[in-house]
Amino acid sequence: MQKSWGNYRLMRWTGLAVMDAACNSGPGSVLMRRRLCANTQGCDPARWFGGLERTSGQSRRRQMGCGQSFADMTNAHVRNVMVVRRGRYRPYFGEWAGSL
């Protein structure tokens, strides 16, 4: 891997997304996603966006009262925090808030 500040920022941002997913759905869920992604062609288990968010061992069945599956809830939560509402969480992200 080429060492550069841009690569470091991307790795840090991906780490924050994976950490958010682990807090939301549990570390076991993230480990299961990584195993599934590693065994899926074209999936990079080191990236959340475009990688781990596409694979999940969590239920895909919509949960009563929520309208979403557990997998969709985790994906939506990470996307909302890391992308949609990124400006709101800027104090917590620090310098990485503008990296993606």
PDB file of N, CA and C in Angstrom:
ATOM      1  N   MET A   1       0.840  -1.185   0.000  1.00  0.00           N
ATOM      2  CA  MET A   1       0.000   0.000   0.000  1.00  0.00           C
ATOM      3  C   MET A   1       0.881   1.243   0.000  1.00  0.00           C
ATOM      4  N   GLN A   2       0.560   2.152  -0.845  1.00  0.00           N
ATOM      5  CA  GLN A   2       1.321   3.387  -0.927  1.00  0.00           C
ATOM      6  C   GLN A   2       1.045   4.225   0.322  1.00  0.00           C
ATOM      7  N   LYS A   3       2.105   4.709   0.940  1.00  0.00           N
ATOM      8  CA  LYS A   3       1.943   5.520   2.134  1.00  0.00           C
ATOM      9  C   LYS A   3       1.731   6.968   1.729  1.00  0.00           C
ATOM     10  N   SER A   4       0.578   7.469   2.048  1.00  0.00           N
ATOM     11  CA  SER A   4       0.304   8.873   1.789  1.00  0.00           C
ATOM     12  C   SER A   4      -0.781   9.331   2.758  1.00  0.00           C
ATOM     13  N   TRP A   5      -0.882  10.627   2.943  1.00  0.00           N
ATOM     14  CA  TRP A   5      -1.876  11.173   3.848  1.00  0.00           C
ATOM     15  C   TRP A   5      -3.290  10.850   3.361  1.00  0.00           C
ATOM     16  N   GLY A   6      -3.517  10.870   2.061  1.00  0.00           N
ATOM     17  CA  GLY A   6      -4.842  10.557   1.521  1.00  0.00           C
ATOM     18  C   GLY A   6      -5.261   9.134   1.827  1.00  0.00           C
ATOM     19  N   ASN A   7      -4.336   8.171   1.691  1.00  0.00           N
ATOM     20  CA  ASN A   7      -4.654   6.782   2.029  1.00  0.00           C
ATOM     21  C   ASN A   7      -4.909   6.626   3.520  1.00  0.00           C
ATOM     22  N   TYR A   8      -4.135   7.305   4.341  1.00  0.00           N
ATOM     23  CA  TYR A   8      -4.334   7.231   5.786  1.00  0.00           C
ATOM     24  C   TYR A   8      -5.708   7.764   6.167  1.00  0.00           C
ATOM     25  N   ARG A   9      -6.087   8.892   5.578  1.00  0.00           N
ATOM     26  CA  ARG A   9      -7.400   9.466   5.896  1.00  0.00           C
ATOM     27  C   ARG A   9      -8.514   8.528   5.476  1.00  0.00           C
ATOM     28  N   LEU A  10      -8.393   7.881   4.324  1.00  0.00           N
ATOM     29  CA  LEU A  10      -9.411   6.947   3.866  1.00  0.00           C
ATOM     30  C   LEU A  10      -9.502   5.740   4.791  1.00  0.00           C
ATOM     31  N   MET A  11      -8.345   5.223   5.227  1.00  0.00           N
ATOM     32  CA  MET A  11      -8.348   4.095   6.154  1.00  0.00           C
ATOM     33  C   MET A  11      -8.997   4.491   7.470  1.00  0.00           C
ATOM     34  N   ARG A  12      -8.704   5.673   7.952  1.00  0.00           N
ATOM     35  CA  ARG A  12      -9.266   6.158   9.219  1.00  0.00           C
ATOM     36  C   ARG A  12     -10.775   6.322   9.087  1.00  0.00           C
ATOM     37  N   TRP A  13     -11.233   6.875   7.976  1.00  0.00           N
ATOM     38  CA  TRP A  13     -12.661   7.088   7.752  1.00  0.00           C
ATOM     39  C   TRP A  13     -13.387   5.745   7.681  1.00  0.00           C
ATOM     40  N   THR A  14     -12.807   4.766   6.989  1.00  0.00           N
ATOM     41  CA  THR A  14     -13.398   3.435   6.908  1.00  0.00           C
ATOM     42  C   THR A  14     -13.440   2.802   8.289  1.00  0.00           C
ATOM     43  N   GLY A  15     -12.392   2.984   9.066  1.00  0.00           N
ATOM     44  CA  GLY A  15     -12.367   2.454  10.428  1.00  0.00           C
ATOM     45  C   GLY A  15     -13.478   3.025  11.283  1.00  0.00           C
ATOM     46  N   LEU A  16     -13.754   4.315  11.134  1.00  0.00           N
ATOM     47  CA  LEU A  16     -14.847   4.936  11.876  1.00  0.00           C
ATOM     48  C   LEU A  16     -16.190   4.350  11.451  1.00  0.00           C
ATOM     49  N   ALA A  17     -16.365   4.085  10.160  1.00  0.00           N
ATOM     50  CA  ALA A  17     -17.618   3.507   9.676  1.00  0.00           C
ATOM     51  C   ALA A  17     -17.804   2.097  10.219  1.00  0.00           C
ATOM     52  N   VAL A  18     -16.747   1.301  10.223  1.00  0.00           N
ATOM     53  CA  VAL A  18     -16.823  -0.070  10.745  1.00  0.00           C
ATOM     54  C   VAL A  18     -17.080  -0.039  12.244  1.00  0.00           C
ATOM     55  N   MET A  19     -16.442   0.889  12.952  1.00  0.00           N
ATOM     56  CA  MET A  19     -16.663   1.010  14.386  1.00  0.00           C
ATOM     57  C   MET A  19     -18.113   1.404  14.678  1.00  0.00           C
ATOM     58  N   ASP A  20     -18.667   2.292  13.889  1.00  0.00           N
ATOM     59  CA  ASP A  20     -20.059   2.688  14.063  1.00  0.00           C
ATOM     60  C   ASP A  20     -20.989   1.500  13.838  1.00  0.00           C
ATOM     61  N   ALA A  21     -20.710   0.701  12.826  1.00  0.00           N
ATOM     62  CA  ALA A  21     -21.523  -0.488  12.563  1.00  0.00           C
ATOM     63  C   ALA A  21     -21.421  -1.477  13.720  1.00  0.00           C
ATOM     64  N   ALA A  22     -20.224  -1.637  14.280  1.00  0.00           N
ATOM     65  CA  ALA A  22     -20.040  -2.553  15.402  1.00  0.00           C
ATOM     66  C   ALA A  22     -20.777  -2.069  16.644  1.00  0.00           C
ATOM     67  N   CYS A  23     -20.804  -0.760  16.865  1.00  0.00           N
ATOM     68  CA  CYS A  23     -21.556  -0.215  18.001  1.00  0.00           C
ATOM     69  C   CYS A  23     -23.052  -0.388  17.801  1.00  0.00           C
ATOM     70  N   ASN A  24     -23.499  -0.283  16.569  1.00  0.00           N
ATOM     71  CA  ASN A  24     -24.919  -0.365  16.268  1.00  0.00           C
ATOM     72  C   ASN A  24     -25.433  -1.804  16.253  1.00  0.00           C
ATOM     73  N   SER A  25     -24.678  -2.731  15.665  1.00  0.00           N
ATOM     74  CA  SER A  25     -25.196  -4.094  15.509  1.00  0.00           C
ATOM     75  C   SER A  25     -24.340  -5.159  16.191  1.00  0.00           C
ATOM     76  N   GLY A  26     -23.236  -4.761  16.796  1.00  0.00           N
ATOM     77  CA  GLY A  26     -22.389  -5.703  17.514  1.00  0.00           C
ATOM     78  C   GLY A  26     -21.169  -6.098  16.708  1.00  0.00           C
ATOM     79  N   PRO A  27     -20.054  -6.352  17.393  1.00  0.00           N
ATOM     80  CA  PRO A  27     -18.825  -6.708  16.695  1.00  0.00           C
ATOM     81  C   PRO A  27     -18.924  -8.041  15.958  1.00  0.00           C
ATOM     82  N   GLY A  28     -19.723  -8.972  16.471  1.00  0.00           N
ATOM     83  CA  GLY A  28     -19.901 -10.256  15.794  1.00  0.00           C
ATOM     84  C   GLY A  28     -20.525 -10.095  14.429  1.00  0.00           C
ATOM     85  N   SER A  29     -21.442  -9.156  14.309  1.00  0.00           N
ATOM     86  CA  SER A  29     -22.088  -8.880  13.033  1.00  0.00           C
ATOM     87  C   SER A  29     -21.086  -8.358  12.017  1.00  0.00           C
ATOM     88  N   VAL A  30     -20.181  -7.476  12.471  1.00  0.00           N
ATOM     89  CA  VAL A  30     -19.167  -6.928  11.574  1.00  0.00           C
ATOM     90  C   VAL A  30     -18.178  -8.019  11.157  1.00  0.00           C
ATOM     91  N   LEU A  31     -17.795  -8.884  12.087  1.00  0.00           N
ATOM     92  CA  LEU A  31     -16.901  -9.988  11.736  1.00  0.00           C
ATOM     93  C   LEU A  31     -17.556 -10.929  10.728  1.00  0.00           C
ATOM     94  N   MET A  32     -18.859 -11.177  10.892  1.00  0.00           N
ATOM     95  CA  MET A  32     -19.583 -12.018   9.938  1.00  0.00           C
ATOM     96  C   MET A  32     -19.611 -11.355   8.563  1.00  0.00           C
ATOM     97  N   ARG A  33     -19.835 -10.055   8.531  1.00  0.00           N
ATOM     98  CA  ARG A  33     -19.818  -9.318   7.263  1.00  0.00           C
ATOM     99  C   ARG A  33     -18.450  -9.435   6.593  1.00  0.00           C
ATOM    100  N   ARG A  34     -17.386  -9.318   7.390  1.00  0.00           N
ATOM    101  CA  ARG A  34     -16.028  -9.401   6.816  1.00  0.00           C
ATOM    102  C   ARG A  34     -15.769 -10.775   6.207  1.00  0.00           C
ATOM    103  N   ARG A  35     -16.206 -11.841   6.890  1.00  0.00           N
ATOM    104  CA  ARG A  35     -16.026 -13.192   6.349  1.00  0.00           C
ATOM    105  C   ARG A  35     -16.810 -13.372   5.065  1.00  0.00           C
ATOM    106  N   LEU A  36     -18.071 -12.922   5.057  1.00  0.00           N
ATOM    107  CA  LEU A  36     -18.889 -13.037   3.850  1.00  0.00           C
ATOM    108  C   LEU A  36     -18.295 -12.226   2.700  1.00  0.00           C
ATOM    109  N   CYS A  37     -17.834 -11.034   3.011  1.00  0.00           N
ATOM    110  CA  CYS A  37     -17.266 -10.166   1.984  1.00  0.00           C
ATOM    111  C   CYS A  37     -15.985 -10.771   1.410  1.00  0.00           C
ATOM    112  N   ALA A  38     -15.158 -11.354   2.269  1.00  0.00           N
ATOM    113  CA  ALA A  38     -13.914 -11.964   1.800  1.00  0.00           C
ATOM    114  C   ALA A  38     -14.181 -13.118   0.842  1.00  0.00           C
ATOM    115  N   ASN A  39     -15.332 -13.772   0.999  1.00  0.00           N
ATOM    116  CA  ASN A  39     -15.696 -14.901   0.139  1.00  0.00           C
ATOM    117  C   ASN A  39     -16.586 -14.496  -1.029  1.00  0.00           C
ATOM    118  N   THR A  40     -16.810 -13.196  -1.200  1.00  0.00           N
ATOM    119  CA  THR A  40     -17.632 -12.683  -2.294  1.00  0.00           C
ATOM    120  C   THR A  40     -16.723 -11.999  -3.309  1.00  0.00           C
ATOM    121  N   GLN A  41     -16.865 -12.377  -4.548  1.00  0.00           N
ATOM    122  CA  GLN A  41     -16.023 -11.796  -5.594  1.00  0.00           C
ATOM    123  C   GLN A  41     -16.300 -10.300  -5.743  1.00  0.00           C
ATOM    124  N   GLY A  42     -15.257  -9.514  -5.804  1.00  0.00           N
ATOM    125  CA  GLY A  42     -15.380  -8.071  -5.998  1.00  0.00           C
ATOM    126  C   GLY A  42     -15.668  -7.291  -4.732  1.00  0.00           C
ATOM    127  N   CYS A  43     -15.676  -7.943  -3.589  1.00  0.00           N
ATOM    128  CA  CYS A  43     -15.957  -7.264  -2.320  1.00  0.00           C
ATOM    129  C   CYS A  43     -14.663  -7.105  -1.533  1.00  0.00           C
ATOM    130  N   ASP A  44     -14.404  -5.908  -1.046  1.00  0.00           N
ATOM    131  CA  ASP A  44     -13.198  -5.620  -0.275  1.00  0.00           C
ATOM    132  C   ASP A  44     -13.554  -5.552   1.208  1.00  0.00           C
ATOM    133  N   PRO A  45     -13.136  -6.545   2.021  1.00  0.00           N
ATOM    134  CA  PRO A  45     -13.494  -6.552   3.439  1.00  0.00           C
ATOM    135  C   PRO A  45     -12.816  -5.459   4.265  1.00  0.00           C
ATOM    136  N   ALA A  46     -11.933  -4.680   3.657  1.00  0.00           N
ATOM    137  CA  ALA A  46     -11.272  -3.584   4.359  1.00  0.00           C
ATOM    138  C   ALA A  46     -11.999  -2.257   4.172  1.00  0.00           C
ATOM    139  N   ARG A  47     -13.074  -2.240   3.401  1.00  0.00           N
ATOM    140  CA  ARG A  47     -13.829  -1.007   3.142  1.00  0.00           C
ATOM    141  C   ARG A  47     -15.279  -1.185   3.558  1.00  0.00           C
ATOM    142  N   TRP A  48     -15.849  -0.163   4.159  1.00  0.00           N
ATOM    143  CA  TRP A  48     -17.269  -0.236   4.506  1.00  0.00           C
ATOM    144  C   TRP A  48     -18.113   0.122   3.293  1.00  0.00           C
ATOM    145  N   PHE A  49     -17.920   1.325   2.755  1.00  0.00           N
ATOM    146  CA  PHE A  49     -18.737   1.791   1.632  1.00  0.00           C
ATOM    147  C   PHE A  49     -18.316   1.062   0.366  1.00  0.00           C
ATOM    148  N   GLY A  50     -19.252   0.374  -0.239  1.00  0.00           N
ATOM    149  CA  GLY A  50     -18.968  -0.394  -1.436  1.00  0.00           C
ATOM    150  C   GLY A  50     -18.384  -1.762  -1.142  1.00  0.00           C
ATOM    151  N   GLY A  51     -18.214  -2.095   0.120  1.00  0.00           N
ATOM    152  CA  GLY A  51     -17.657  -3.385   0.511  1.00  0.00           C
ATOM    153  C   GLY A  51     -18.547  -4.068   1.529  1.00  0.00           C
ATOM    154  N   LEU A  52     -18.258  -3.810   2.793  1.00  0.00           N
ATOM    155  CA  LEU A  52     -18.988  -4.473   3.863  1.00  0.00           C
ATOM    156  C   LEU A  52     -20.470  -4.118   3.905  1.00  0.00           C
ATOM    157  N   GLU A  53     -20.820  -2.935   3.454  1.00  0.00           N
ATOM    158  CA  GLU A  53     -22.236  -2.564   3.512  1.00  0.00           C
ATOM    159  C   GLU A  53     -23.086  -3.401   2.548  1.00  0.00           C
ATOM    160  N   ARG A  54     -22.436  -4.026   1.562  1.00  0.00           N
ATOM    161  CA  ARG A  54     -23.184  -4.835   0.586  1.00  0.00           C
ATOM    162  C   ARG A  54     -23.410  -6.269   1.060  1.00  0.00           C
ATOM    163  N   THR A  55     -22.647  -6.728   2.056  1.00  0.00           N
ATOM    164  CA  THR A  55     -22.808  -8.094   2.552  1.00  0.00           C
ATOM    165  C   THR A  55     -23.255  -8.055   4.000  1.00  0.00           C
ATOM    166  N   SER A  56     -24.081  -9.005   4.382  1.00  0.00           N
ATOM    167  CA  SER A  56     -24.519  -9.074   5.761  1.00  0.00           C
ATOM    168  C   SER A  56     -25.067 -10.452   6.072  1.00  0.00           C
ATOM    169  N   GLY A  57     -24.747 -10.938   7.245  1.00  0.00           N
ATOM    170  CA  GLY A  57     -25.316 -12.188   7.726  1.00  0.00           C
ATOM    171  C   GLY A  57     -26.543 -11.935   8.579  1.00  0.00           C
ATOM    172  N   GLN A  58     -26.872 -10.646   8.762  1.00  0.00           N
ATOM    173  CA  GLN A  58     -28.051 -10.300   9.550  1.00  0.00           C
ATOM    174  C   GLN A  58     -29.302 -10.589   8.731  1.00  0.00           C
ATOM    175  N   SER A  59     -30.409 -10.668   9.431  1.00  0.00           N
ATOM    176  CA  SER A  59     -31.687 -10.946   8.782  1.00  0.00           C
ATOM    177  C   SER A  59     -32.027  -9.873   7.748  1.00  0.00           C
ATOM    178  N   ARG A  60     -32.501 -10.303   6.593  1.00  0.00           N
ATOM    179  CA  ARG A  60     -32.956  -9.389   5.538  1.00  0.00           C
ATOM    180  C   ARG A  60     -34.478  -9.237   5.570  1.00  0.00           C
ATOM    181  N   ARG A  61     -35.120  -9.910   6.540  1.00  0.00           N
ATOM    182  CA  ARG A  61     -36.576  -9.841   6.655  1.00  0.00           C
ATOM    183  C   ARG A  61     -36.955  -8.563   7.406  1.00  0.00           C
ATOM    184  N   ARG A  62     -37.941  -7.859   6.875  1.00  0.00           N
ATOM    185  CA  ARG A  62     -38.391  -6.627   7.536  1.00  0.00           C
ATOM    186  C   ARG A  62     -38.959  -6.951   8.908  1.00  0.00           C
ATOM    187  N   GLN A  63     -38.565  -6.156   9.881  1.00  0.00           N
ATOM    188  CA  GLN A  63     -39.009  -6.366  11.251  1.00  0.00           C
ATOM    189  C   GLN A  63     -40.291  -5.593  11.502  1.00  0.00           C
ATOM    190  N   MET A  64     -41.210  -6.242  12.186  1.00  0.00           N
ATOM    191  CA  MET A  64     -42.507  -5.629  12.448  1.00  0.00           C
ATOM    192  C   MET A  64     -42.321  -4.361  13.289  1.00  0.00           C
ATOM    193  N   GLY A  65     -42.931  -3.294  12.874  1.00  0.00           N
ATOM    194  CA  GLY A  65     -42.855  -2.032  13.578  1.00  0.00           C
ATOM    195  C   GLY A  65     -41.719  -1.134  13.127  1.00  0.00           C
ATOM    196  N   CYS A  66     -40.767  -1.689  12.396  1.00  0.00           N
ATOM    197  CA  CYS A  66     -39.618  -0.902  11.941  1.00  0.00           C
ATOM    198  C   CYS A  66     -39.687  -0.604  10.455  1.00  0.00           C
ATOM    199  N   GLY A  67     -40.169  -1.561   9.681  1.00  0.00           N
ATOM    200  CA  GLY A  67     -40.220  -1.393   8.235  1.00  0.00           C
ATOM    201  C   GLY A  67     -38.902  -1.661   7.548  1.00  0.00           C
ATOM    202  N   GLN A  68     -37.869  -2.045   8.320  1.00  0.00           N
ATOM    203  CA  GLN A  68     -36.552  -2.336   7.767  1.00  0.00           C
ATOM    204  C   GLN A  68     -36.031  -3.630   8.379  1.00  0.00           C
ATOM    205  N   SER A  69     -35.121  -4.272   7.657  1.00  0.00           N
ATOM    206  CA  SER A  69     -34.449  -5.444   8.214  1.00  0.00           C
ATOM    207  C   SER A  69     -33.305  -4.972   9.103  1.00  0.00           C
ATOM    208  N   PHE A  70     -32.758  -5.893   9.898  1.00  0.00           N
ATOM    209  CA  PHE A  70     -31.624  -5.531  10.752  1.00  0.00           C
ATOM    210  C   PHE A  70     -30.430  -5.095   9.913  1.00  0.00           C
ATOM    211  N   ALA A  71     -30.199  -5.767   8.798  1.00  0.00           N
ATOM    212  CA  ALA A  71     -29.093  -5.396   7.909  1.00  0.00           C
ATOM    213  C   ALA A  71     -29.298  -3.984   7.359  1.00  0.00           C
ATOM    214  N   ASP A  72     -30.530  -3.669   6.945  1.00  0.00           N
ATOM    215  CA  ASP A  72     -30.818  -2.334   6.414  1.00  0.00           C
ATOM    216  C   ASP A  72     -30.695  -1.257   7.495  1.00  0.00           C
ATOM    217  N   MET A  73     -31.072  -1.593   8.730  1.00  0.00           N
ATOM    218  CA  MET A  73     -30.951  -0.622   9.826  1.00  0.00           C
ATOM    219  C   MET A  73     -29.488  -0.269  10.071  1.00  0.00           C
ATOM    220  N   THR A  74     -28.623  -1.278  10.078  1.00  0.00           N
ATOM    221  CA  THR A  74     -27.193  -1.023  10.285  1.00  0.00           C
ATOM    222  C   THR A  74     -26.627  -0.176   9.154  1.00  0.00           C
ATOM    223  N   ASN A  75     -26.932  -0.550   7.919  1.00  0.00           N
ATOM    224  CA  ASN A  75     -26.433   0.212   6.766  1.00  0.00           C
ATOM    225  C   ASN A  75     -26.932   1.648   6.793  1.00  0.00           C
ATOM    226  N   ALA A  76     -28.216   1.826   7.099  1.00  0.00           N
ATOM    227  CA  ALA A  76     -28.786   3.175   7.127  1.00  0.00           C
ATOM    228  C   ALA A  76     -28.158   4.011   8.237  1.00  0.00           C
ATOM    229  N   HIS A  77     -27.924   3.411   9.391  1.00  0.00           N
ATOM    230  CA  HIS A  77     -27.334   4.151  10.502  1.00  0.00           C
ATOM    231  C   HIS A  77     -25.935   4.641  10.148  1.00  0.00           C
ATOM    232  N   VAL A  78     -25.107   3.762   9.608  1.00  0.00           N
ATOM    233  CA  VAL A  78     -23.744   4.158   9.247  1.00  0.00           C
ATOM    234  C   VAL A  78     -23.766   5.240   8.174  1.00  0.00           C
ATOM    235  N   ARG A  79     -24.585   5.077   7.161  1.00  0.00           N
ATOM    236  CA  ARG A  79     -24.666   6.070   6.086  1.00  0.00           C
ATOM    237  C   ARG A  79     -25.170   7.408   6.621  1.00  0.00           C
ATOM    238  N   ASN A  80     -26.175   7.387   7.514  1.00  0.00           N
ATOM    239  CA  ASN A  80     -26.698   8.635   8.067  1.00  0.00           C
ATOM    240  C   ASN A  80     -25.647   9.376   8.883  1.00  0.00           C
ATOM    241  N   VAL A  81     -24.897   8.659   9.701  1.00  0.00           N
ATOM    242  CA  VAL A  81     -23.893   9.304  10.546  1.00  0.00           C
ATOM    243  C   VAL A  81     -22.686   9.754   9.735  1.00  0.00           C
ATOM    244  N   MET A  82     -22.203   8.882   8.849  1.00  0.00           N
ATOM    245  CA  MET A  82     -20.943   9.148   8.153  1.00  0.00           C
ATOM    246  C   MET A  82     -21.091  10.018   6.905  1.00  0.00           C
ATOM    247  N   VAL A  83     -22.282  10.024   6.284  1.00  0.00           N
ATOM    248  CA  VAL A  83     -22.445  10.753   5.027  1.00  0.00           C
ATOM    249  C   VAL A  83     -23.516  11.837   5.141  1.00  0.00           C
ATOM    250  N   VAL A  84     -24.734  11.436   5.445  1.00  0.00           N
ATOM    251  CA  VAL A  84     -25.869  12.369   5.408  1.00  0.00           C
ATOM    252  C   VAL A  84     -25.731  13.465   6.459  1.00  0.00           C
ATOM    253  N   ARG A  85     -25.436  13.100   7.687  1.00  0.00           N
ATOM    254  CA  ARG A  85     -25.355  14.077   8.783  1.00  0.00           C
ATOM    255  C   ARG A  85     -23.915  14.329   9.235  1.00  0.00           C
ATOM    256  N   ARG A  86     -22.976  14.182   8.329  1.00  0.00           N
ATOM    257  CA  ARG A  86     -21.561  14.310   8.648  1.00  0.00           C
ATOM    258  C   ARG A  86     -21.236  15.654   9.292  1.00  0.00           C
ATOM    259  N   GLY A  87     -21.825  16.720   8.822  1.00  0.00           N
ATOM    260  CA  GLY A  87     -21.553  18.042   9.384  1.00  0.00           C
ATOM    261  C   GLY A  87     -21.912  18.152  10.846  1.00  0.00           C
ATOM    262  N   ARG A  88     -22.964  17.469  11.231  1.00  0.00           N
ATOM    263  CA  ARG A  88     -23.415  17.503  12.621  1.00  0.00           C
ATOM    264  C   ARG A  88     -22.407  16.825  13.553  1.00  0.00           C
ATOM    265  N   TYR A  89     -21.722  15.802  13.043  1.00  0.00           N
ATOM    266  CA  TYR A  89     -20.766  15.048  13.853  1.00  0.00           C
ATOM    267  C   TYR A  89     -19.320  15.493  13.639  1.00  0.00           C
ATOM    268  N   ARG A  90     -19.122  16.597  12.950  1.00  0.00           N
ATOM    269  CA  ARG A  90     -17.782  17.095  12.655  1.00  0.00           C
ATOM    270  C   ARG A  90     -16.893  17.215  13.897  1.00  0.00           C
ATOM    271  N   PRO A  91     -17.392  17.691  15.042  1.00  0.00           N
ATOM    272  CA  PRO A  91     -16.512  17.767  16.218  1.00  0.00           C
ATOM    273  C   PRO A  91     -15.971  16.402  16.651  1.00  0.00           C
ATOM    274  N   TYR A  92     -16.699  15.341  16.385  1.00  0.00           N
ATOM    275  CA  TYR A  92     -16.259  14.005  16.784  1.00  0.00           C
ATOM    276  C   TYR A  92     -15.315  13.396  15.746  1.00  0.00           C
ATOM    277  N   PHE A  93     -15.520  13.738  14.474  1.00  0.00           N
ATOM    278  CA  PHE A  93     -14.685  13.194  13.406  1.00  0.00           C
ATOM    279  C   PHE A  93     -13.371  13.937  13.278  1.00  0.00           C
ATOM    280  N   GLY A  94     -13.362  15.193  13.683  1.00  0.00           N
ATOM    281  CA  GLY A  94     -12.147  15.992  13.572  1.00  0.00           C
ATOM    282  C   GLY A  94     -11.791  16.216  12.110  1.00  0.00           C
ATOM    283  N   GLU A  95     -10.519  16.052  11.793  1.00  0.00           N
ATOM    284  CA  GLU A  95     -10.016  16.334  10.443  1.00  0.00           C
ATOM    285  C   GLU A  95     -10.564  15.384   9.392  1.00  0.00           C
ATOM    286  N   TRP A  96     -11.137  14.237   9.805  1.00  0.00           N
ATOM    287  CA  TRP A  96     -11.621  13.256   8.829  1.00  0.00           C
ATOM    288  C   TRP A  96     -13.015  13.577   8.318  1.00  0.00           C
ATOM    289  N   ALA A  97     -13.648  14.591   8.861  1.00  0.00           N
ATOM    290  CA  ALA A  97     -15.017  14.916   8.457  1.00  0.00           C
ATOM    291  C   ALA A  97     -15.102  15.324   6.990  1.00  0.00           C
ATOM    292  N   GLY A  98     -14.052  15.823   6.428  1.00  0.00           N
ATOM    293  CA  GLY A  98     -14.104  16.251   5.032  1.00  0.00           C
ATOM    294  C   GLY A  98     -13.378  15.328   4.089  1.00  0.00           C
ATOM    295  N   SER A  99     -13.000  14.138   4.553  1.00  0.00           N
ATOM    296  CA  SER A  99     -12.142  13.280   3.733  1.00  0.00           C
ATOM    297  C   SER A  99     -12.883  12.490   2.671  1.00  0.00           C
ATOM    298  N   LEU A 100     -14.173  12.364   2.762  1.00  0.00           N
ATOM    299  CA  LEU A 100     -14.915  11.623   1.733  1.00  0.00           C
ATOM    300  C   LEU A 100     -15.875  12.516   1.018  1.00  0.00           C
TER     301      LEU A 100
END
